[in-house]
């Protein structure tokens, strides 16, 4: 590997600009889509978790 290539690679590693607005919006859209698609499954999962928490907390409190 030539010295110039190594220097270019080091510059590339330091040149991280972070996420842009478009990428952030796409991630949010995908997450909202997943929530809409799996809404019923998520609701039943959350309800069962809270039922278990309530049942277990009642055994601890008594």
PDB file of N, CA and C in Angstrom:
ATOM      1  N   UNK A   1       0.836  -1.180   0.000  1.00  0.00           N
ATOM      2  CA  UNK A   1       0.000   0.000   0.000  1.00  0.00           C
ATOM      3  C   UNK A   1       0.878   1.239   0.000  1.00  0.00           C
ATOM      4  N   UNK A   2       0.599   2.138  -0.906  1.00  0.00           N
ATOM      5  CA  UNK A   2       1.387   3.362  -0.974  1.00  0.00           C
ATOM      6  C   UNK A   2       1.008   4.305   0.151  1.00  0.00           C
ATOM      7  N   UNK A   3       1.902   5.239   0.481  1.00  0.00           N
ATOM      8  CA  UNK A   3       1.645   6.186   1.559  1.00  0.00           C
ATOM      9  C   UNK A   3       0.425   7.054   1.274  1.00  0.00           C
ATOM     10  N   UNK A   4       0.240   7.466   0.026  1.00  0.00           N
ATOM     11  CA  UNK A   4      -0.903   8.309  -0.332  1.00  0.00           C
ATOM     12  C   UNK A   4      -2.215   7.607  -0.080  1.00  0.00           C
ATOM     13  N   UNK A   5      -2.265   6.303  -0.371  1.00  0.00           N
ATOM     14  CA  UNK A   5      -3.490   5.545  -0.134  1.00  0.00           C
ATOM     15  C   UNK A   5      -3.808   5.439   1.351  1.00  0.00           C
ATOM     16  N   UNK A   6      -2.792   5.247   2.166  1.00  0.00           N
ATOM     17  CA  UNK A   6      -3.001   5.154   3.605  1.00  0.00           C
ATOM     18  C   UNK A   6      -3.497   6.478   4.161  1.00  0.00           C
ATOM     19  N   UNK A   7      -2.946   7.579   3.643  1.00  0.00           N
ATOM     20  CA  UNK A   7      -3.390   8.904   4.092  1.00  0.00           C
ATOM     21  C   UNK A   7      -4.826   9.169   3.664  1.00  0.00           C
ATOM     22  N   UNK A   8      -5.177   8.756   2.445  1.00  0.00           N
ATOM     23  CA  UNK A   8      -6.551   8.922   1.975  1.00  0.00           C
ATOM     24  C   UNK A   8      -7.510   8.094   2.836  1.00  0.00           C
ATOM     25  N   UNK A   9      -7.110   6.898   3.203  1.00  0.00           N
ATOM     26  CA  UNK A   9      -7.951   6.040   4.041  1.00  0.00           C
ATOM     27  C   UNK A   9      -8.137   6.665   5.428  1.00  0.00           C
ATOM     28  N   UNK A  10      -7.096   7.235   5.994  1.00  0.00           N
ATOM     29  CA  UNK A  10      -7.198   7.890   7.295  1.00  0.00           C
ATOM     30  C   UNK A  10      -8.133   9.095   7.213  1.00  0.00           C
ATOM     31  N   UNK A  11      -8.038   9.855   6.132  1.00  0.00           N
ATOM     32  CA  UNK A  11      -8.946  10.991   5.935  1.00  0.00           C
ATOM     33  C   UNK A  11     -10.386  10.516   5.802  1.00  0.00           C
ATOM     34  N   UNK A  12     -10.592   9.410   5.116  1.00  0.00           N
ATOM     35  CA  UNK A  12     -11.934   8.856   4.961  1.00  0.00           C
ATOM     36  C   UNK A  12     -12.515   8.471   6.323  1.00  0.00           C
ATOM     37  N   UNK A  13     -11.712   7.883   7.190  1.00  0.00           N
ATOM     38  CA  UNK A  13     -12.196   7.482   8.508  1.00  0.00           C
ATOM     39  C   UNK A  13     -12.546   8.689   9.378  1.00  0.00           C
ATOM     40  N   UNK A  14     -11.800   9.788   9.229  1.00  0.00           N
ATOM     41  CA  UNK A  14     -12.072  10.986  10.025  1.00  0.00           C
ATOM     42  C   UNK A  14     -13.214  11.816   9.460  1.00  0.00           C
ATOM     43  N   UNK A  15     -13.672  11.522   8.256  1.00  0.00           N
ATOM     44  CA  UNK A  15     -14.627  12.351   7.545  1.00  0.00           C
ATOM     45  C   UNK A  15     -16.079  11.978   7.825  1.00  0.00           C
ATOM     46  N   UNK A  16     -16.347  11.352   8.948  1.00  0.00           N
ATOM     47  CA  UNK A  16     -17.705  10.913   9.261  1.00  0.00           C
ATOM     48  C   UNK A  16     -18.566  12.116   9.610  1.00  0.00           C
ATOM     49  N   UNK A  17     -19.621  12.328   8.815  1.00  0.00           N
ATOM     50  CA  UNK A  17     -20.484  13.495   9.015  1.00  0.00           C
ATOM     51  C   UNK A  17     -21.747  13.166   9.795  1.00  0.00           C
ATOM     52  N   UNK A  18     -22.043  11.926  10.006  1.00  0.00           N
ATOM     53  CA  UNK A  18     -23.240  11.569  10.735  1.00  0.00           C
ATOM     54  C   UNK A  18     -24.419  11.356   9.810  1.00  0.00           C
ATOM     55  N   UNK A  19     -25.579  11.129  10.411  1.00  0.00           N
ATOM     56  CA  UNK A  19     -26.784  10.866   9.629  1.00  0.00           C
ATOM     57  C   UNK A  19     -27.385  12.161   9.134  1.00  0.00           C
ATOM     58  N   UNK A  20     -27.897  12.096   7.934  1.00  0.00           N
ATOM     59  CA  UNK A  20     -28.596  13.231   7.379  1.00  0.00           C
ATOM     60  C   UNK A  20     -30.074  13.174   7.702  1.00  0.00           C
ATOM     61  N   UNK A  21     -30.766  14.214   7.325  1.00  0.00           N
ATOM     62  CA  UNK A  21     -32.199  14.306   7.604  1.00  0.00           C
ATOM     63  C   UNK A  21     -32.975  13.239   6.866  1.00  0.00           C
ATOM     64  N   UNK A  22     -32.597  12.969   5.637  1.00  0.00           N
ATOM     65  CA  UNK A  22     -33.321  11.980   4.835  1.00  0.00           C
ATOM     66  C   UNK A  22     -33.234  10.598   5.469  1.00  0.00           C
ATOM     67  N   UNK A  23     -32.056  10.225   5.922  1.00  0.00           N
ATOM     68  CA  UNK A  23     -31.892   8.921   6.553  1.00  0.00           C
ATOM     69  C   UNK A  23     -32.726   8.824   7.824  1.00  0.00           C
ATOM     70  N   UNK A  24     -32.732   9.888   8.623  1.00  0.00           N
ATOM     71  CA  UNK A  24     -33.508   9.893   9.853  1.00  0.00           C
ATOM     72  C   UNK A  24     -35.003   9.771   9.571  1.00  0.00           C
ATOM     73  N   UNK A  25     -35.493  10.476   8.565  1.00  0.00           N
ATOM     74  CA  UNK A  25     -36.911  10.395   8.191  1.00  0.00           C
ATOM     75  C   UNK A  25     -37.250   8.995   7.697  1.00  0.00           C
ATOM     76  N   UNK A  26     -36.376   8.386   6.911  1.00  0.00           N
ATOM     77  CA  UNK A  26     -36.632   7.026   6.431  1.00  0.00           C
ATOM     78  C   UNK A  26     -36.696   6.027   7.578  1.00  0.00           C
ATOM     79  N   UNK A  27     -35.831   6.172   8.560  1.00  0.00           N
ATOM     80  CA  UNK A  27     -35.862   5.275   9.708  1.00  0.00           C
ATOM     81  C   UNK A  27     -37.169   5.431  10.469  1.00  0.00           C
ATOM     82  N   UNK A  28     -37.608   6.668  10.659  1.00  0.00           N
ATOM     83  CA  UNK A  28     -38.868   6.912  11.371  1.00  0.00           C
ATOM     84  C   UNK A  28     -40.044   6.331  10.601  1.00  0.00           C
ATOM     85  N   UNK A  29     -40.051   6.494   9.277  1.00  0.00           N
ATOM     86  CA  UNK A  29     -41.141   5.959   8.454  1.00  0.00           C
ATOM     87  C   UNK A  29     -41.184   4.432   8.544  1.00  0.00           C
ATOM     88  N   UNK A  30     -40.038   3.798   8.506  1.00  0.00           N
ATOM     89  CA  UNK A  30     -39.990   2.340   8.605  1.00  0.00           C
ATOM     90  C   UNK A  30     -40.492   1.876   9.971  1.00  0.00           C
ATOM     91  N   UNK A  31     -40.081   2.563  11.035  1.00  0.00           N
ATOM     92  CA  UNK A  31     -40.547   2.184  12.368  1.00  0.00           C
ATOM     93  C   UNK A  31     -42.054   2.359  12.510  1.00  0.00           C
ATOM     94  N   UNK A  32     -42.593   3.445  11.984  1.00  0.00           N
ATOM     95  CA  UNK A  32     -44.039   3.658  12.043  1.00  0.00           C
ATOM     96  C   UNK A  32     -44.763   2.582  11.240  1.00  0.00           C
ATOM     97  N   UNK A  33     -44.216   2.231  10.080  1.00  0.00           N
ATOM     98  CA  UNK A  33     -44.809   1.170   9.272  1.00  0.00           C
ATOM     99  C   UNK A  33     -44.826  -0.160  10.001  1.00  0.00           C
ATOM    100  N   UNK A  34     -43.737  -0.482  10.683  1.00  0.00           N
ATOM    101  CA  UNK A  34     -43.691  -1.734  11.447  1.00  0.00           C
ATOM    102  C   UNK A  34     -44.702  -1.741  12.581  1.00  0.00           C
ATOM    103  N   UNK A  35     -44.865  -0.610  13.239  1.00  0.00           N
ATOM    104  CA  UNK A  35     -45.847  -0.530  14.325  1.00  0.00           C
ATOM    105  C   UNK A  35     -47.252  -0.716  13.769  1.00  0.00           C
ATOM    106  N   UNK A  36     -47.533  -0.122  12.623  1.00  0.00           N
ATOM    107  CA  UNK A  36     -48.864  -0.262  12.023  1.00  0.00           C
ATOM    108  C   UNK A  36     -49.116  -1.707  11.597  1.00  0.00           C
ATOM    109  N   UNK A  37     -48.118  -2.339  11.005  1.00  0.00           N
ATOM    110  CA  UNK A  37     -48.274  -3.717  10.527  1.00  0.00           C
ATOM    111  C   UNK A  37     -48.486  -4.688  11.691  1.00  0.00           C
ATOM    112  N   UNK A  38     -47.707  -4.527  12.758  1.00  0.00           N
ATOM    113  CA  UNK A  38     -47.741  -5.478  13.868  1.00  0.00           C
ATOM    114  C   UNK A  38     -48.494  -4.930  15.079  1.00  0.00           C
ATOM    115  N   UNK A  39     -49.451  -4.045  14.843  1.00  0.00           N
ATOM    116  CA  UNK A  39     -50.161  -3.389  15.949  1.00  0.00           C
ATOM    117  C   UNK A  39     -50.871  -4.383  16.859  1.00  0.00           C
ATOM    118  N   UNK A  40     -51.575  -5.337  16.286  1.00  0.00           N
ATOM    119  CA  UNK A  40     -52.328  -6.274  17.123  1.00  0.00           C
ATOM    120  C   UNK A  40     -51.402  -7.182  17.921  1.00  0.00           C
ATOM    121  N   UNK A  41     -50.324  -7.631  17.289  1.00  0.00           N
ATOM    122  CA  UNK A  41     -49.374  -8.486  18.004  1.00  0.00           C
ATOM    123  C   UNK A  41     -48.688  -7.705  19.131  1.00  0.00           C
ATOM    124  N   UNK A  42     -48.335  -6.458  18.857  1.00  0.00           N
ATOM    125  CA  UNK A  42     -47.698  -5.641  19.887  1.00  0.00           C
ATOM    126  C   UNK A  42     -48.648  -5.372  21.049  1.00  0.00           C
ATOM    127  N   UNK A  43     -49.908  -5.107  20.721  1.00  0.00           N
ATOM    128  CA  UNK A  43     -50.888  -4.834  21.772  1.00  0.00           C
ATOM    129  C   UNK A  43     -51.061  -6.065  22.670  1.00  0.00           C
ATOM    130  N   UNK A  44     -51.190  -7.242  22.072  1.00  0.00           N
ATOM    131  CA  UNK A  44     -51.364  -8.444  22.890  1.00  0.00           C
ATOM    132  C   UNK A  44     -50.117  -8.742  23.721  1.00  0.00           C
ATOM    133  N   UNK A  45     -48.943  -8.493  23.166  1.00  0.00           N
ATOM    134  CA  UNK A  45     -47.702  -8.697  23.911  1.00  0.00           C
ATOM    135  C   UNK A  45     -47.625  -7.763  25.112  1.00  0.00           C
ATOM    136  N   UNK A  46     -47.919  -6.490  24.893  1.00  0.00           N
ATOM    137  CA  UNK A  46     -47.861  -5.519  25.985  1.00  0.00           C
ATOM    138  C   UNK A  46     -48.903  -5.848  27.050  1.00  0.00           C
ATOM    139  N   UNK A  47     -50.102  -6.232  26.627  1.00  0.00           N
ATOM    140  CA  UNK A  47     -51.134  -6.583  27.605  1.00  0.00           C
ATOM    141  C   UNK A  47     -50.728  -7.791  28.442  1.00  0.00           C
ATOM    142  N   UNK A  48     -50.144  -8.799  27.804  1.00  0.00           N
ATOM    143  CA  UNK A  48     -49.734  -9.983  28.566  1.00  0.00           C
ATOM    144  C   UNK A  48     -48.589  -9.651  29.528  1.00  0.00           C
ATOM    145  N   UNK A  49     -47.680  -8.781  29.118  1.00  0.00           N
ATOM    146  CA  UNK A  49     -46.580  -8.388  30.006  1.00  0.00           C
ATOM    147  C   UNK A  49     -47.123  -7.639  31.216  1.00  0.00           C
ATOM    148  N   UNK A  50     -48.061  -6.704  30.984  1.00  0.00           N
ATOM    149  CA  UNK A  50     -48.610  -5.948  32.105  1.00  0.00           C
ATOM    150  C   UNK A  50     -49.464  -6.825  33.019  1.00  0.00           C
ATOM    151  N   UNK A  51     -50.155  -7.810  32.454  1.00  0.00           N
ATOM    152  CA  UNK A  51     -50.914  -8.742  33.295  1.00  0.00           C
ATOM    153  C   UNK A  51     -49.971  -9.529  34.205  1.00  0.00           C
ATOM    154  N   UNK A  52     -48.863  -9.975  33.648  1.00  0.00           N
ATOM    155  CA  UNK A  52     -47.888 -10.726  34.448  1.00  0.00           C
ATOM    156  C   UNK A  52     -47.278  -9.838  35.522  1.00  0.00           C
ATOM    157  N   UNK A  53     -46.972  -8.605  35.176  1.00  0.00           N
ATOM    158  CA  UNK A  53     -46.410  -7.673  36.164  1.00  0.00           C
ATOM    159  C   UNK A  53     -47.407  -7.440  37.293  1.00  0.00           C
ATOM    160  N   UNK A  54     -48.676  -7.237  36.935  1.00  0.00           N
ATOM    161  CA  UNK A  54     -49.703  -7.011  37.948  1.00  0.00           C
ATOM    162  C   UNK A  54     -49.873  -8.229  38.843  1.00  0.00           C
ATOM    163  N   UNK A  55     -49.901  -9.416  38.232  1.00  0.00           N
ATOM    164  CA  UNK A  55     -50.065 -10.647  39.016  1.00  0.00           C
ATOM    165  C   UNK A  55     -48.874 -10.860  39.946  1.00  0.00           C
ATOM    166  N   UNK A  56     -47.661 -10.650  39.424  1.00  0.00           N
ATOM    167  CA  UNK A  56     -46.473 -10.839  40.247  1.00  0.00           C
ATOM    168  C   UNK A  56     -46.373  -9.788  41.341  1.00  0.00           C
ATOM    169  N   UNK A  57     -46.779  -8.564  41.063  1.00  0.00           N
ATOM    170  CA  UNK A  57     -46.708  -7.531  42.094  1.00  0.00           C
ATOM    171  C   UNK A  57     -47.726  -7.805  43.192  1.00  0.00           C
ATOM    172  N   UNK A  58     -48.865  -8.406  42.844  1.00  0.00           N
ATOM    173  CA  UNK A  58     -49.833  -8.756  43.870  1.00  0.00           C
ATOM    174  C   UNK A  58     -49.305  -9.833  44.800  1.00  0.00           C
ATOM    175  N   UNK A  59     -48.524 -10.775  44.276  1.00  0.00           N
ATOM    176  CA  UNK A  59     -47.957 -11.822  45.127  1.00  0.00           C
ATOM    177  C   UNK A  59     -46.854 -11.255  46.028  1.00  0.00           C
ATOM    178  N   UNK A  60     -46.139 -10.263  45.548  1.00  0.00           N
ATOM    179  CA  UNK A  60     -45.081  -9.672  46.350  1.00  0.00           C
ATOM    180  C   UNK A  60     -45.682  -8.818  47.473  1.00  0.00           C
ATOM    181  N   UNK A  61     -46.756  -8.104  47.153  1.00  0.00           N
ATOM    182  CA  UNK A  61     -47.365  -7.193  48.128  1.00  0.00           C
ATOM    183  C   UNK A  61     -48.142  -7.928  49.222  1.00  0.00           C
ATOM    184  N   UNK A  62     -48.575  -9.162  48.957  1.00  0.00           N
ATOM    185  CA  UNK A  62     -49.366  -9.858  49.982  1.00  0.00           C
ATOM    186  C   UNK A  62     -48.566 -10.838  50.781  1.00  0.00           C
TER     187      UNK A  62
END
